[in-house]
PDB file of all heavy atoms in Angstrom:
ATOM      1  N   GLY A   1     104.730 114.268  94.729  1.00  0.00           N
ATOM      2  CA  GLY A   1     103.557 114.270  93.817  1.00  0.00           C
ATOM      3  C   GLY A   1     103.899 114.503  92.377  1.00  0.00           C
ATOM      4  O   GLY A   1     104.986 114.725  92.049  1.00  0.00           O
ATOM      5  N   GLY A   2     102.820 114.338  91.561  1.00  0.00           N
ATOM      6  CA  GLY A   2     103.047 114.522  90.086  1.00  0.00           C
ATOM      7  C   GLY A   2     102.506 113.432  89.319  1.00  0.00           C
ATOM      8  O   GLY A   2     102.243 112.302  89.862  1.00  0.00           O
ATOM      9  N   GLY A   3     102.368 113.633  87.978  1.00  0.00           N
ATOM     10  CA  GLY A   3     101.680 112.706  87.131  1.00  0.00           C
ATOM     11  C   GLY A   3     102.563 111.428  86.924  1.00  0.00           C
ATOM     12  O   GLY A   3     101.945 110.240  87.041  1.00  0.00           O
ATOM     13  N   ILE A   4     103.863 111.640  86.710  1.00  0.00           N
ATOM     14  CA  ILE A   4     104.677 110.402  86.397  1.00  0.00           C
ATOM     15  C   ILE A   4     104.863 109.656  87.788  1.00  0.00           C
ATOM     16  O   ILE A   4     104.879 108.404  87.734  1.00  0.00           O
ATOM     17  CB  ILE A   4     106.036 110.813  85.898  1.00  0.00           C
ATOM     18  CG1 ILE A   4     105.945 111.363  84.457  1.00  0.00           C
ATOM     19  CG2 ILE A   4     107.002 109.682  85.931  1.00  0.00           C
ATOM     20  CD1 ILE A   4     107.232 111.881  83.826  1.00  0.00           C
ATOM     21  N   VAL A   5     104.963 110.379  88.950  1.00  0.00           N
ATOM     22  CA  VAL A   5     105.011 109.693  90.115  1.00  0.00           C
ATOM     23  C   VAL A   5     103.737 108.830  90.380  1.00  0.00           C
ATOM     24  O   VAL A   5     103.887 107.631  90.799  1.00  0.00           O
ATOM     25  CB  VAL A   5     104.951 110.859  91.330  1.00  0.00           C
ATOM     26  CG1 VAL A   5     104.721 110.224  92.699  1.00  0.00           C
ATOM     27  CG2 VAL A   5     106.334 111.553  91.318  1.00  0.00           C
ATOM     28  N   ARG A   6     102.523 109.344  90.107  1.00  0.00           N
ATOM     29  CA  ARG A   6     101.328 108.567  90.356  1.00  0.00           C
ATOM     30  C   ARG A   6     101.280 107.399  89.393  1.00  0.00           C
ATOM     31  O   ARG A   6     100.824 106.300  89.747  1.00  0.00           O
ATOM     32  CB  ARG A   6     100.128 109.498  90.040  1.00  0.00           C
ATOM     33  CG  ARG A   6      98.782 108.879  90.431  1.00  0.00           C
ATOM     34  CD  ARG A   6      98.622 108.644  91.921  1.00  0.00           C
ATOM     35  NE  ARG A   6      98.849 107.244  92.269  1.00  0.00           N
ATOM     36  CZ  ARG A   6      98.839 106.812  93.495  1.00  0.00           C
ATOM     37  NH1 ARG A   6      98.756 107.681  94.514  1.00  0.00           N
ATOM     38  NH2 ARG A   6      99.049 105.572  93.773  1.00  0.00           N
ATOM     39  N   TYR A   7     101.799 107.594  88.139  1.00  0.00           N
ATOM     40  CA  TYR A   7     101.780 106.474  87.206  1.00  0.00           C
ATOM     41  C   TYR A   7     102.697 105.432  87.626  1.00  0.00           C
ATOM     42  O   TYR A   7     102.294 104.262  87.695  1.00  0.00           O
ATOM     43  CB  TYR A   7     102.234 106.986  85.851  1.00  0.00           C
ATOM     44  CG  TYR A   7     102.171 105.940  84.698  1.00  0.00           C
ATOM     45  CD1 TYR A   7     101.042 105.990  83.879  1.00  0.00           C
ATOM     46  CD2 TYR A   7     103.145 104.964  84.523  1.00  0.00           C
ATOM     47  CE1 TYR A   7     100.930 104.987  82.908  1.00  0.00           C
ATOM     48  CE2 TYR A   7     103.011 104.001  83.532  1.00  0.00           C
ATOM     49  CZ  TYR A   7     101.890 104.059  82.730  1.00  0.00           C
ATOM     50  OH  TYR A   7     101.857 103.159  81.743  1.00  0.00           O
ATOM     51  N   ASN A   8     103.921 105.707  88.103  1.00  0.00           N
ATOM     52  CA  ASN A   8     104.860 104.750  88.569  1.00  0.00           C
ATOM     53  C   ASN A   8     104.349 104.015  89.731  1.00  0.00           C
ATOM     54  O   ASN A   8     104.398 102.788  89.893  1.00  0.00           O
ATOM     55  CB  ASN A   8     106.201 105.361  89.002  1.00  0.00           C
ATOM     56  CG  ASN A   8     107.036 105.758  87.865  1.00  0.00           C
ATOM     57  OD1 ASN A   8     106.795 105.356  86.746  1.00  0.00           O
ATOM     58  ND2 ASN A   8     107.885 106.881  88.032  1.00  0.00           N
ATOM     59  N   GLN A   9     103.703 104.639  90.658  1.00  0.00           N
ATOM     60  CA  GLN A   9     103.097 104.047  91.938  1.00  0.00           C
ATOM     61  C   GLN A   9     101.980 102.948  91.511  1.00  0.00           C
ATOM     62  O   GLN A   9     101.982 101.838  92.020  1.00  0.00           O
ATOM     63  CB  GLN A   9     102.454 105.026  92.881  1.00  0.00           C
ATOM     64  CG  GLN A   9     103.552 105.913  93.526  1.00  0.00           C
ATOM     65  CD  GLN A   9     102.886 107.020  94.334  1.00  0.00           C
ATOM     66  OE1 GLN A   9     101.674 107.082  94.538  1.00  0.00           O
ATOM     67  NE2 GLN A   9     103.701 107.938  94.807  1.00  0.00           N
ATOM     68  N   ASP A  10     101.148 103.424  90.580  1.00  0.00           N
ATOM     69  CA  ASP A  10      99.955 102.625  90.237  1.00  0.00           C
ATOM     70  C   ASP A  10     100.443 101.569  89.147  1.00  0.00           C
ATOM     71  O   ASP A  10      99.635 100.567  88.997  1.00  0.00           O
ATOM     72  CB  ASP A  10      98.911 103.473  89.662  1.00  0.00           C
ATOM     73  CG  ASP A  10      98.159 104.247  90.758  1.00  0.00           C
ATOM     74  OD1 ASP A  10      98.242 103.801  91.867  1.00  0.00           O
ATOM     75  OD2 ASP A  10      97.546 105.271  90.328  1.00  0.00           O
ATOM     76  N   LEU A  11     101.537 101.655  88.614  1.00  0.00           N
ATOM     77  CA  LEU A  11     102.171 100.535  87.823  1.00  0.00           C
ATOM     78  C   LEU A  11     102.760  99.555  88.813  1.00  0.00           C
ATOM     79  O   LEU A  11     102.573  98.324  88.581  1.00  0.00           O
ATOM     80  CB  LEU A  11     103.238 101.086  86.860  1.00  0.00           C
ATOM     81  CG  LEU A  11     103.993 100.072  86.094  1.00  0.00           C
ATOM     82  CD1 LEU A  11     103.035  99.277  85.113  1.00  0.00           C
ATOM     83  CD2 LEU A  11     105.093 100.660  85.309  1.00  0.00           C
ATOM     84  N   PHE A  12     103.507  99.937  89.825  1.00  0.00           N
ATOM     85  CA  PHE A  12     104.246  99.025  90.642  1.00  0.00           C
ATOM     86  C   PHE A  12     103.288  98.184  91.564  1.00  0.00           C
ATOM     87  O   PHE A  12     103.551  97.111  91.899  1.00  0.00           O
ATOM     88  CB  PHE A  12     105.284  99.787  91.509  1.00  0.00           C
ATOM     89  CG  PHE A  12     106.387 100.318  90.717  1.00  0.00           C
ATOM     90  CD1 PHE A  12     107.087 101.367  91.162  1.00  0.00           C
ATOM     91  CD2 PHE A  12     106.767  99.827  89.416  1.00  0.00           C
ATOM     92  CE1 PHE A  12     108.136 101.965  90.349  1.00  0.00           C
ATOM     93  CE2 PHE A  12     107.765 100.395  88.702  1.00  0.00           C
ATOM     94  CZ  PHE A  12     108.427 101.461  89.164  1.00  0.00           C
ATOM     95  N   GLU A  13     102.197  98.840  92.101  1.00  0.00           N
ATOM     96  CA  GLU A  13     101.366  98.289  93.064  1.00  0.00           C
ATOM     97  C   GLU A  13     100.790  96.940  92.606  1.00  0.00           C
ATOM     98  O   GLU A  13     100.726  95.977  93.313  1.00  0.00           O
ATOM     99  CB  GLU A  13     100.406  99.255  93.634  1.00  0.00           C
ATOM    100  CG  GLU A  13     101.010 100.303  94.551  1.00  0.00           C
ATOM    101  CD  GLU A  13     100.103 101.395  94.867  1.00  0.00           C
ATOM    102  OE1 GLU A  13      98.911 101.297  94.629  1.00  0.00           O
ATOM    103  OE2 GLU A  13     100.589 102.502  95.318  1.00  0.00           O
ATOM    104  N   PRO A  14     100.214  96.880  91.341  1.00  0.00           N
ATOM    105  CA  PRO A  14      99.679  95.573  90.945  1.00  0.00           C
ATOM    106  C   PRO A  14     100.730  94.551  90.665  1.00  0.00           C
ATOM    107  O   PRO A  14     100.571  93.350  90.737  1.00  0.00           O
ATOM    108  CB  PRO A  14      98.860  95.869  89.656  1.00  0.00           C
ATOM    109  CG  PRO A  14      99.474  97.107  89.212  1.00  0.00           C
ATOM    110  CD  PRO A  14      99.868  97.985  90.407  1.00  0.00           C
ATOM    111  N   LEU A  15     101.912  95.053  90.307  1.00  0.00           N
ATOM    112  CA  LEU A  15     103.090  94.129  90.066  1.00  0.00           C
ATOM    113  C   LEU A  15     103.715  93.580  91.295  1.00  0.00           C
ATOM    114  O   LEU A  15     104.233  92.583  91.190  1.00  0.00           O
ATOM    115  CB  LEU A  15     104.220  94.879  89.226  1.00  0.00           C
ATOM    116  CG  LEU A  15     103.825  95.306  87.774  1.00  0.00           C
ATOM    117  CD1 LEU A  15     104.920  96.047  87.148  1.00  0.00           C
ATOM    118  CD2 LEU A  15     103.427  94.126  86.905  1.00  0.00           C
ATOM    119  N   ALA A  16     103.356  94.273  92.385  1.00  0.00           N
ATOM    120  CA  ALA A  16     104.005  93.920  93.667  1.00  0.00           C
ATOM    121  C   ALA A  16     103.596  92.468  94.131  1.00  0.00           C
ATOM    122  O   ALA A  16     104.285  91.900  94.855  1.00  0.00           O
ATOM    123  CB  ALA A  16     103.640  94.924  94.742  1.00  0.00           C
ATOM    124  N   GLY A  17     102.446  92.085  93.666  1.00  0.00           N
ATOM    125  CA  GLY A  17     101.978  90.725  94.069  1.00  0.00           C
ATOM    126  C   GLY A  17     102.713  89.631  93.267  1.00  0.00           C
ATOM    127  O   GLY A  17     102.725  88.418  93.637  1.00  0.00           O
ATOM    128  N   GLU A  18     103.477  90.009  92.243  1.00  0.00           N
ATOM    129  CA  GLU A  18     104.190  89.037  91.404  1.00  0.00           C
ATOM    130  C   GLU A  18     105.673  89.293  91.448  1.00  0.00           C
ATOM    131  O   GLU A  18     106.394  88.410  90.924  1.00  0.00           O
ATOM    132  CB  GLU A  18     103.736  89.224  89.906  1.00  0.00           C
ATOM    133  CG  GLU A  18     102.064  89.060  89.683  1.00  0.00           C
ATOM    134  CD  GLU A  18     101.682  87.727  90.130  1.00  0.00           C
ATOM    135  OE1 GLU A  18     102.455  86.704  89.919  1.00  0.00           O
ATOM    136  OE2 GLU A  18     100.533  87.618  90.565  1.00  0.00           O
ATOM    137  N   ALA A  19     106.108  90.414  91.984  1.00  0.00           N
ATOM    138  CA  ALA A  19     107.484  90.795  91.765  1.00  0.00           C
ATOM    139  C   ALA A  19     108.037  91.440  93.017  1.00  0.00           C
ATOM    140  O   ALA A  19     107.304  92.055  93.822  1.00  0.00           O
ATOM    141  CB  ALA A  19     107.675  91.669  90.618  1.00  0.00           C
ATOM    142  N   GLU A  20     109.313  91.372  93.283  1.00  0.00           N
ATOM    143  CA  GLU A  20     110.085  92.165  94.244  1.00  0.00           C
ATOM    144  C   GLU A  20     110.656  93.337  93.459  1.00  0.00           C
ATOM    145  O   GLU A  20     111.425  93.027  92.539  1.00  0.00           O
ATOM    146  CB  GLU A  20     111.151  91.342  94.841  1.00  0.00           C
ATOM    147  CG  GLU A  20     111.932  92.069  95.833  1.00  0.00           C
ATOM    148  CD  GLU A  20     113.161  91.312  96.398  1.00  0.00           C
ATOM    149  OE1 GLU A  20     113.224  90.123  96.162  1.00  0.00           O
ATOM    150  OE2 GLU A  20     114.182  91.921  96.969  1.00  0.00           O
ATOM    151  N   ILE A  21     110.398  94.496  93.897  1.00  0.00           N
ATOM    152  CA  ILE A  21     110.803  95.662  93.014  1.00  0.00           C
ATOM    153  C   ILE A  21     111.678  96.612  93.907  1.00  0.00           C
ATOM    154  O   ILE A  21     111.292  96.974  95.059  1.00  0.00           O
ATOM    155  CB  ILE A  21     109.572  96.516  92.533  1.00  0.00           C
ATOM    156  CG1 ILE A  21     108.654  95.632  91.808  1.00  0.00           C
ATOM    157  CG2 ILE A  21     110.005  97.722  91.737  1.00  0.00           C
ATOM    158  CD1 ILE A  21     107.318  96.271  91.471  1.00  0.00           C
ATOM    159  N   VAL A  22     112.860  96.891  93.440  1.00  0.00           N
ATOM    160  CA  VAL A  22     113.704  97.797  94.130  1.00  0.00           C
ATOM    161  C   VAL A  22     113.739  99.080  93.299  1.00  0.00           C
ATOM    162  O   VAL A  22     114.156  99.070  92.125  1.00  0.00           O
ATOM    163  CB  VAL A  22     115.153  97.301  94.224  1.00  0.00           C
ATOM    164  CG1 VAL A  22     116.107  98.313  94.976  1.00  0.00           C
ATOM    165  CG2 VAL A  22     115.138  95.958  95.028  1.00  0.00           C
ATOM    166  N   VAL A  23     113.383 100.215  93.900  1.00  0.00           N
ATOM    167  CA  VAL A  23     113.270 101.498  93.193  1.00  0.00           C
ATOM    168  C   VAL A  23     114.345 102.524  93.599  1.00  0.00           C
ATOM    169  O   VAL A  23     114.590 102.720  94.782  1.00  0.00           O
ATOM    170  CB  VAL A  23     111.893 102.223  93.482  1.00  0.00           C
ATOM    171  CG1 VAL A  23     111.628 103.510  92.792  1.00  0.00           C
ATOM    172  CG2 VAL A  23     110.723 101.239  93.206  1.00  0.00           C
ATOM    173  N   LEU A  24     115.103 103.012  92.533  1.00  0.00           N
ATOM    174  CA  LEU A  24     116.048 104.030  92.778  1.00  0.00           C
ATOM    175  C   LEU A  24     115.621 105.290  92.069  1.00  0.00           C
ATOM    176  O   LEU A  24     115.706 105.319  90.783  1.00  0.00           O
ATOM    177  CB  LEU A  24     117.451 103.611  92.358  1.00  0.00           C
ATOM    178  CG  LEU A  24     118.555 104.629  92.632  1.00  0.00           C
ATOM    179  CD1 LEU A  24     118.741 104.841  94.068  1.00  0.00           C
ATOM    180  CD2 LEU A  24     119.854 104.144  91.915  1.00  0.00           C
ATOM    181  N   PRO A  25     115.175 106.367  92.767  1.00  0.00           N
ATOM    182  CA  PRO A  25     114.676 107.476  92.054  1.00  0.00           C
ATOM    183  C   PRO A  25     115.847 108.513  91.974  1.00  0.00           C
ATOM    184  O   PRO A  25     116.781 108.582  92.784  1.00  0.00           O
ATOM    185  CB  PRO A  25     113.571 107.996  93.076  1.00  0.00           C
ATOM    186  CG  PRO A  25     114.034 107.604  94.369  1.00  0.00           C
ATOM    187  CD  PRO A  25     114.794 106.282  94.162  1.00  0.00           C
ATOM    188  N   ARG A  26     115.608 109.523  90.964  1.00  0.00           N
ATOM    189  CA  ARG A  26     116.569 110.651  90.953  1.00  0.00           C
ATOM    190  C   ARG A  26     116.084 111.686  91.941  1.00  0.00           C
ATOM    191  O   ARG A  26     116.993 112.511  92.399  1.00  0.00           O
ATOM    192  CB  ARG A  26     116.500 111.229  89.556  1.00  0.00           C
ATOM    193  CG  ARG A  26     117.328 110.477  88.458  1.00  0.00           C
ATOM    194  CD  ARG A  26     118.877 110.730  88.642  1.00  0.00           C
ATOM    195  NE  ARG A  26     119.209 112.113  88.562  1.00  0.00           N
ATOM    196  CZ  ARG A  26     119.523 112.814  87.446  1.00  0.00           C
ATOM    197  NH1 ARG A  26     119.309 112.139  86.256  1.00  0.00           N
ATOM    198  NH2 ARG A  26     119.812 114.066  87.545  1.00  0.00           N
ATOM    199  N   TYR A  27     114.774 111.908  92.097  1.00  0.00           N
ATOM    200  CA  TYR A  27     114.188 112.997  92.969  1.00  0.00           C
ATOM    201  C   TYR A  27     113.252 112.423  93.948  1.00  0.00           C
ATOM    202  O   TYR A  27     112.747 111.322  93.731  1.00  0.00           O
ATOM    203  CB  TYR A  27     113.639 114.038  92.123  1.00  0.00           C
ATOM    204  CG  TYR A  27     114.410 114.516  90.976  1.00  0.00           C
ATOM    205  CD1 TYR A  27     114.280 114.123  89.555  1.00  0.00           C
ATOM    206  CD2 TYR A  27     115.650 115.307  91.154  1.00  0.00           C
ATOM    207  CE1 TYR A  27     115.067 114.517  88.615  1.00  0.00           C
ATOM    208  CE2 TYR A  27     116.413 115.742  90.225  1.00  0.00           C
ATOM    209  CZ  TYR A  27     116.134 115.381  88.873  1.00  0.00           C
ATOM    210  OH  TYR A  27     117.027 115.726  87.791  1.00  0.00           O
ATOM    211  N   GLY A  28     112.872 113.188  94.974  1.00  0.00           N
ATOM    212  CA  GLY A  28     111.898 112.849  95.948  1.00  0.00           C
ATOM    213  C   GLY A  28     112.550 112.469  97.233  1.00  0.00           C
ATOM    214  O   GLY A  28     113.703 112.648  97.505  1.00  0.00           O
ATOM    215  N   THR A  29     111.734 111.932  98.169  1.00  0.00           N
ATOM    216  CA  THR A  29     112.108 111.509  99.486  1.00  0.00           C
ATOM    217  C   THR A  29     111.370 110.270  99.879  1.00  0.00           C
ATOM    218  O   THR A  29     110.328 109.888  99.463  1.00  0.00           O
ATOM    219  CB  THR A  29     111.743 112.611 100.481  1.00  0.00           C
ATOM    220  OG1 THR A  29     112.080 112.238 101.755  1.00  0.00           O
ATOM    221  CG2 THR A  29     110.212 112.989 100.313  1.00  0.00           C
ATOM    222  N   THR A  30     112.054 109.512 100.785  1.00  0.00           N
ATOM    223  CA  THR A  30     111.365 108.318 101.388  1.00  0.00           C
ATOM    224  C   THR A  30     110.490 108.718 102.569  1.00  0.00           C
ATOM    225  O   THR A  30     109.809 107.921 103.091  1.00  0.00           O
ATOM    226  CB  THR A  30     112.419 107.265 101.740  1.00  0.00           C
ATOM    227  OG1 THR A  30     113.349 107.890 102.712  1.00  0.00           O
ATOM    228  CG2 THR A  30     113.206 106.753 100.557  1.00  0.00           C
ATOM    229  N   LYS A  31     110.618 109.868 103.051  1.00  0.00           N
ATOM    230  CA  LYS A  31     109.870 110.418 104.182  1.00  0.00           C
ATOM    231  C   LYS A  31     108.410 110.448 103.809  1.00  0.00           C
ATOM    232  O   LYS A  31     107.977 111.069 102.900  1.00  0.00           O
ATOM    233  CB  LYS A  31     110.309 111.762 104.710  1.00  0.00           C
ATOM    234  CG  LYS A  31     109.594 112.154 105.928  1.00  0.00           C
ATOM    235  CD  LYS A  31     110.182 113.584 106.390  1.00  0.00           C
ATOM    236  CE  LYS A  31     109.482 113.992 107.784  1.00  0.00           C
ATOM    237  NZ  LYS A  31     110.078 115.248 108.150  1.00  0.00           N
ATOM    238  N   GLY A  32     107.556 109.719 104.541  1.00  0.00           N
ATOM    239  CA  GLY A  32     106.131 109.688 104.431  1.00  0.00           C
ATOM    240  C   GLY A  32     105.711 108.750 103.233  1.00  0.00           C
ATOM    241  O   GLY A  32     104.578 108.587 102.928  1.00  0.00           O
ATOM    242  N   ALA A  33     106.715 108.078 102.630  1.00  0.00           N
ATOM    243  CA  ALA A  33     106.382 107.113 101.511  1.00  0.00           C
ATOM    244  C   ALA A  33     105.872 105.825 102.167  1.00  0.00           C
ATOM    245  O   ALA A  33     106.269 105.394 103.115  1.00  0.00           O
ATOM    246  CB  ALA A  33     107.563 106.833 100.747  1.00  0.00           C
ATOM    247  N   SER A  34     104.822 105.200 101.489  1.00  0.00           N
ATOM    248  CA  SER A  34     104.301 103.947 101.883  1.00  0.00           C
ATOM    249  C   SER A  34     104.097 102.965 100.774  1.00  0.00           C
ATOM    250  O   SER A  34     102.949 102.712 100.404  1.00  0.00           O
ATOM    251  CB  SER A  34     102.968 104.217 102.665  1.00  0.00           C
ATOM    252  OG  SER A  34     102.094 104.925 101.751  1.00  0.00           O
ATOM    253  N   PRO A  35     105.167 102.473 100.179  1.00  0.00           N
ATOM    254  CA  PRO A  35     105.036 101.479  99.115  1.00  0.00           C
ATOM    255  C   PRO A  35     104.561 100.198  99.669  1.00  0.00           C
ATOM    256  O   PRO A  35     104.693  99.916 100.908  1.00  0.00           O
ATOM    257  CB  PRO A  35     106.516 101.449  98.583  1.00  0.00           C
ATOM    258  CG  PRO A  35     107.378 101.799  99.728  1.00  0.00           C
ATOM    259  CD  PRO A  35     106.556 102.714 100.501  1.00  0.00           C
ATOM    260  N   PRO A  36     104.104  99.286  98.783  1.00  0.00           N
ATOM    261  CA  PRO A  36     103.716  97.962  99.226  1.00  0.00           C
ATOM    262  C   PRO A  36     104.920  97.223  99.857  1.00  0.00           C
ATOM    263  O   PRO A  36     106.086  97.580  99.573  1.00  0.00           O
ATOM    264  CB  PRO A  36     103.274  97.267  97.906  1.00  0.00           C
ATOM    265  CG  PRO A  36     102.954  98.350  97.019  1.00  0.00           C
ATOM    266  CD  PRO A  36     103.852  99.442  97.294  1.00  0.00           C
TER     267      PRO A  36
END
């Protein structure tokens, strides 16, 4: 969770229709994540 997290998610989701995005984070977990 967090503001930057939410911003990144809501930035990538509309771009996902036009782009293939590979995300490498410094922090967080892939458990429970549901990216496009």
